[in-house]
C-alpha cells in the first residue's frame, strides 16, 4: 500500500517537473509572461529589482486549477 502511494507521488512529481521545465524553456517565447500590469520592476543606477506579482498569482491559479481537476478524478 505504501509503495503504491509513493509510486503515484513520484509520477505526479515527475509530471510537474516536466511541465515546469517546459514553461521555463518556452517562457521567453510567450511575450506576456513577466510583463503583466502589476509586476514590479525597479531599476536604479547600480541595482535592479524585479518581482512578478501578477504573473505569480496567475500561474498559481492555473496550477491550482490543474491540481484540483487531477485530484478530483481519483
N, C-alpha and C. Protein backbone atom coordinates (compact mmCIF):
# COMPACT_ATOMS: atom_id res chain seq x y z
N UNK A 1 0.83 -1.19 0.00
CA UNK A 1 0.00 0.00 0.00
C UNK A 1 0.87 1.25 0.00
N UNK A 2 1.91 1.27 0.81
CA UNK A 2 2.80 2.43 0.90
C UNK A 2 3.59 2.63 -0.40
N UNK A 3 4.01 1.53 -0.99
CA UNK A 3 4.77 1.60 -2.24
C UNK A 3 3.89 2.16 -3.36
N UNK A 4 2.62 1.79 -3.38
CA UNK A 4 1.69 2.28 -4.39
C UNK A 4 1.53 3.80 -4.29
N UNK A 5 1.38 4.33 -3.09
CA UNK A 5 1.25 5.77 -2.88
C UNK A 5 2.53 6.50 -3.26
N UNK A 6 3.66 5.91 -2.92
CA UNK A 6 4.95 6.51 -3.26
C UNK A 6 5.13 6.56 -4.78
N UNK A 7 4.72 5.51 -5.47
CA UNK A 7 4.80 5.48 -6.93
C UNK A 7 3.95 6.57 -7.57
N UNK A 8 2.73 6.76 -7.06
CA UNK A 8 1.87 7.81 -7.59
C UNK A 8 2.46 9.19 -7.34
N UNK A 9 3.02 9.37 -6.15
CA UNK A 9 3.64 10.65 -5.82
C UNK A 9 4.80 10.95 -6.75
N UNK A 10 5.64 9.97 -7.01
CA UNK A 10 6.79 10.18 -7.88
C UNK A 10 6.36 10.47 -9.32
N UNK A 11 5.31 9.80 -9.78
CA UNK A 11 4.81 10.08 -11.13
C UNK A 11 4.27 11.50 -11.20
N UNK A 12 3.50 11.92 -10.21
CA UNK A 12 2.95 13.28 -10.20
C UNK A 12 4.07 14.32 -10.11
N UNK A 13 5.07 14.05 -9.27
CA UNK A 13 6.20 14.98 -9.15
C UNK A 13 6.95 15.07 -10.47
N UNK A 14 7.11 13.97 -11.16
CA UNK A 14 7.77 13.98 -12.47
C UNK A 14 7.00 14.78 -13.50
N UNK A 15 5.69 14.62 -13.51
CA UNK A 15 4.86 15.38 -14.45
C UNK A 15 4.96 16.87 -14.16
N UNK A 16 4.93 17.24 -12.89
CA UNK A 16 5.05 18.65 -12.51
C UNK A 16 6.41 19.21 -12.92
N UNK A 17 7.47 18.44 -12.74
CA UNK A 17 8.80 18.90 -13.14
C UNK A 17 8.91 19.05 -14.66
N UNK A 18 8.29 18.16 -15.40
CA UNK A 18 8.30 18.27 -16.86
C UNK A 18 7.57 19.53 -17.30
N UNK A 19 6.41 19.78 -16.72
CA UNK A 19 5.64 20.98 -17.06
C UNK A 19 6.42 22.23 -16.69
N UNK A 20 7.05 22.23 -15.51
CA UNK A 20 7.85 23.39 -15.10
C UNK A 20 9.02 23.60 -16.06
N UNK A 21 9.66 22.54 -16.49
CA UNK A 21 10.76 22.64 -17.45
C UNK A 21 10.30 23.21 -18.78
N UNK A 22 9.14 22.77 -19.24
CA UNK A 22 8.60 23.31 -20.49
C UNK A 22 8.26 24.79 -20.36
N UNK A 23 7.69 25.17 -19.23
CA UNK A 23 7.36 26.58 -19.01
C UNK A 23 8.63 27.42 -19.02
N UNK A 24 9.67 26.97 -18.33
CA UNK A 24 10.92 27.73 -18.30
C UNK A 24 11.59 27.76 -19.67
N UNK A 25 11.47 26.70 -20.43
CA UNK A 25 12.08 26.66 -21.75
C UNK A 25 11.41 27.60 -22.74
N UNK A 26 10.08 27.69 -22.65
CA UNK A 26 9.33 28.49 -23.62
C UNK A 26 8.85 29.82 -23.07
N UNK A 27 9.25 30.18 -21.86
CA UNK A 27 8.77 31.42 -21.24
C UNK A 27 9.24 32.65 -22.03
N UNK A 28 10.41 32.60 -22.62
CA UNK A 28 10.89 33.73 -23.40
C UNK A 28 10.11 33.93 -24.68
N UNK A 29 9.46 32.89 -25.17
CA UNK A 29 8.70 32.98 -26.42
C UNK A 29 7.26 33.41 -26.19
N UNK A 30 6.82 33.41 -24.93
CA UNK A 30 5.48 33.89 -24.60
C UNK A 30 5.64 35.33 -24.12
N UNK A 31 5.19 36.31 -24.91
CA UNK A 31 5.53 37.71 -24.63
C UNK A 31 4.94 38.28 -23.35
N UNK A 32 3.82 37.76 -22.84
CA UNK A 32 3.18 38.37 -21.69
C UNK A 32 3.67 37.84 -20.35
N UNK A 33 4.43 36.74 -20.33
CA UNK A 33 4.91 36.20 -19.05
C UNK A 33 5.98 37.13 -18.50
N UNK A 34 5.75 37.63 -17.30
CA UNK A 34 6.70 38.52 -16.64
C UNK A 34 6.53 39.98 -17.00
N UNK A 35 5.58 40.31 -17.84
CA UNK A 35 5.39 41.70 -18.25
C UNK A 35 3.94 42.14 -18.09
N UNK A 36 3.25 41.54 -17.15
CA UNK A 36 1.85 41.89 -16.93
C UNK A 36 1.75 43.14 -16.06
N UNK A 37 0.64 43.87 -16.17
CA UNK A 37 0.44 45.01 -15.26
C UNK A 37 0.39 44.51 -13.81
N UNK A 38 1.11 45.14 -12.95
CA UNK A 38 1.18 44.71 -11.55
C UNK A 38 2.50 44.05 -11.21
N UNK A 39 3.29 43.66 -12.21
CA UNK A 39 4.62 43.14 -11.96
C UNK A 39 5.53 44.31 -11.58
N UNK A 40 6.31 44.13 -10.54
CA UNK A 40 7.13 45.21 -10.00
C UNK A 40 8.53 45.13 -10.62
N UNK A 41 8.99 46.23 -11.19
CA UNK A 41 10.34 46.32 -11.75
C UNK A 41 10.91 47.69 -11.40
N UNK A 42 11.96 47.68 -10.60
CA UNK A 42 12.62 48.92 -10.18
C UNK A 42 14.06 48.86 -10.66
N UNK A 43 14.48 49.88 -11.39
CA UNK A 43 15.85 49.93 -11.90
C UNK A 43 16.50 51.23 -11.47
N UNK A 44 17.59 51.10 -10.76
CA UNK A 44 18.38 52.26 -10.33
C UNK A 44 19.75 52.16 -10.98
N UNK A 45 20.65 53.03 -10.59
CA UNK A 45 21.99 53.03 -11.20
C UNK A 45 22.72 51.71 -11.02
N UNK A 46 22.79 51.23 -9.80
CA UNK A 46 23.58 50.03 -9.52
C UNK A 46 22.75 48.81 -9.18
N UNK A 47 21.45 48.98 -9.04
CA UNK A 47 20.59 47.89 -8.57
C UNK A 47 19.34 47.81 -9.43
N UNK A 48 18.93 46.60 -9.71
CA UNK A 48 17.63 46.40 -10.34
C UNK A 48 16.89 45.32 -9.55
N UNK A 49 15.60 45.53 -9.35
CA UNK A 49 14.76 44.62 -8.59
C UNK A 49 13.54 44.28 -9.42
N UNK A 50 13.24 43.01 -9.53
CA UNK A 50 12.10 42.56 -10.32
C UNK A 50 11.33 41.53 -9.53
N UNK A 51 10.03 41.74 -9.36
CA UNK A 51 9.17 40.78 -8.68
C UNK A 51 7.86 40.67 -9.47
N UNK A 52 7.64 39.55 -10.13
CA UNK A 52 6.44 39.39 -10.97
C UNK A 52 5.21 39.00 -10.15
N UNK A 53 4.60 39.97 -9.48
CA UNK A 53 3.46 39.72 -8.61
C UNK A 53 2.27 39.14 -9.39
N UNK A 54 1.85 39.84 -10.43
CA UNK A 54 0.68 39.41 -11.19
C UNK A 54 0.93 38.09 -11.91
N UNK A 55 2.11 37.94 -12.47
CA UNK A 55 2.45 36.69 -13.15
C UNK A 55 2.43 35.53 -12.16
N UNK A 56 2.96 35.73 -10.96
CA UNK A 56 2.96 34.68 -9.94
C UNK A 56 1.55 34.29 -9.53
N UNK A 57 0.67 35.28 -9.36
CA UNK A 57 -0.72 34.99 -9.00
C UNK A 57 -1.42 34.22 -10.11
N UNK A 58 -1.22 34.64 -11.35
CA UNK A 58 -1.85 33.97 -12.49
C UNK A 58 -1.36 32.52 -12.62
N UNK A 59 -0.07 32.29 -12.51
CA UNK A 59 0.47 30.93 -12.58
C UNK A 59 -0.02 30.08 -11.41
N UNK A 60 -0.15 30.68 -10.23
CA UNK A 60 -0.66 29.95 -9.07
C UNK A 60 -2.10 29.50 -9.30
N UNK A 61 -2.92 30.36 -9.88
CA UNK A 61 -4.31 30.00 -10.15
C UNK A 61 -4.37 28.86 -11.17
N UNK A 62 -3.57 28.96 -12.22
CA UNK A 62 -3.56 27.91 -13.26
C UNK A 62 -3.11 26.58 -12.67
N UNK A 63 -2.04 26.59 -11.91
CA UNK A 63 -1.53 25.34 -11.31
C UNK A 63 -2.54 24.78 -10.31
N UNK A 64 -3.18 25.64 -9.53
CA UNK A 64 -4.19 25.17 -8.56
C UNK A 64 -5.37 24.52 -9.28
N UNK A 65 -5.81 25.11 -10.38
CA UNK A 65 -6.91 24.50 -11.14
C UNK A 65 -6.52 23.15 -11.73
N UNK A 66 -5.32 23.06 -12.24
CA UNK A 66 -4.85 21.78 -12.80
C UNK A 66 -4.81 20.71 -11.72
N UNK A 67 -4.24 21.04 -10.56
CA UNK A 67 -4.16 20.05 -9.47
C UNK A 67 -5.54 19.72 -8.92
N UNK A 68 -6.45 20.68 -8.90
CA UNK A 68 -7.82 20.43 -8.44
C UNK A 68 -8.49 19.39 -9.34
N UNK A 69 -8.38 19.56 -10.65
CA UNK A 69 -9.03 18.64 -11.56
C UNK A 69 -8.35 17.27 -11.58
N UNK A 70 -7.04 17.22 -11.36
CA UNK A 70 -6.34 15.94 -11.26
C UNK A 70 -6.79 15.21 -10.00
N UNK A 71 -6.88 15.92 -8.89
CA UNK A 71 -7.30 15.29 -7.62
C UNK A 71 -8.75 14.89 -7.61
N UNK A 72 -9.56 15.55 -8.37
CA UNK A 72 -10.99 15.26 -8.42
C UNK A 72 -11.29 13.96 -9.16
N UNK A 73 -10.43 13.59 -10.08
CA UNK A 73 -10.64 12.34 -10.86
C UNK A 73 -10.49 11.12 -9.99
N UNK A 74 -9.69 11.17 -8.97
CA UNK A 74 -9.39 9.96 -8.19
C UNK A 74 -10.42 9.69 -7.18
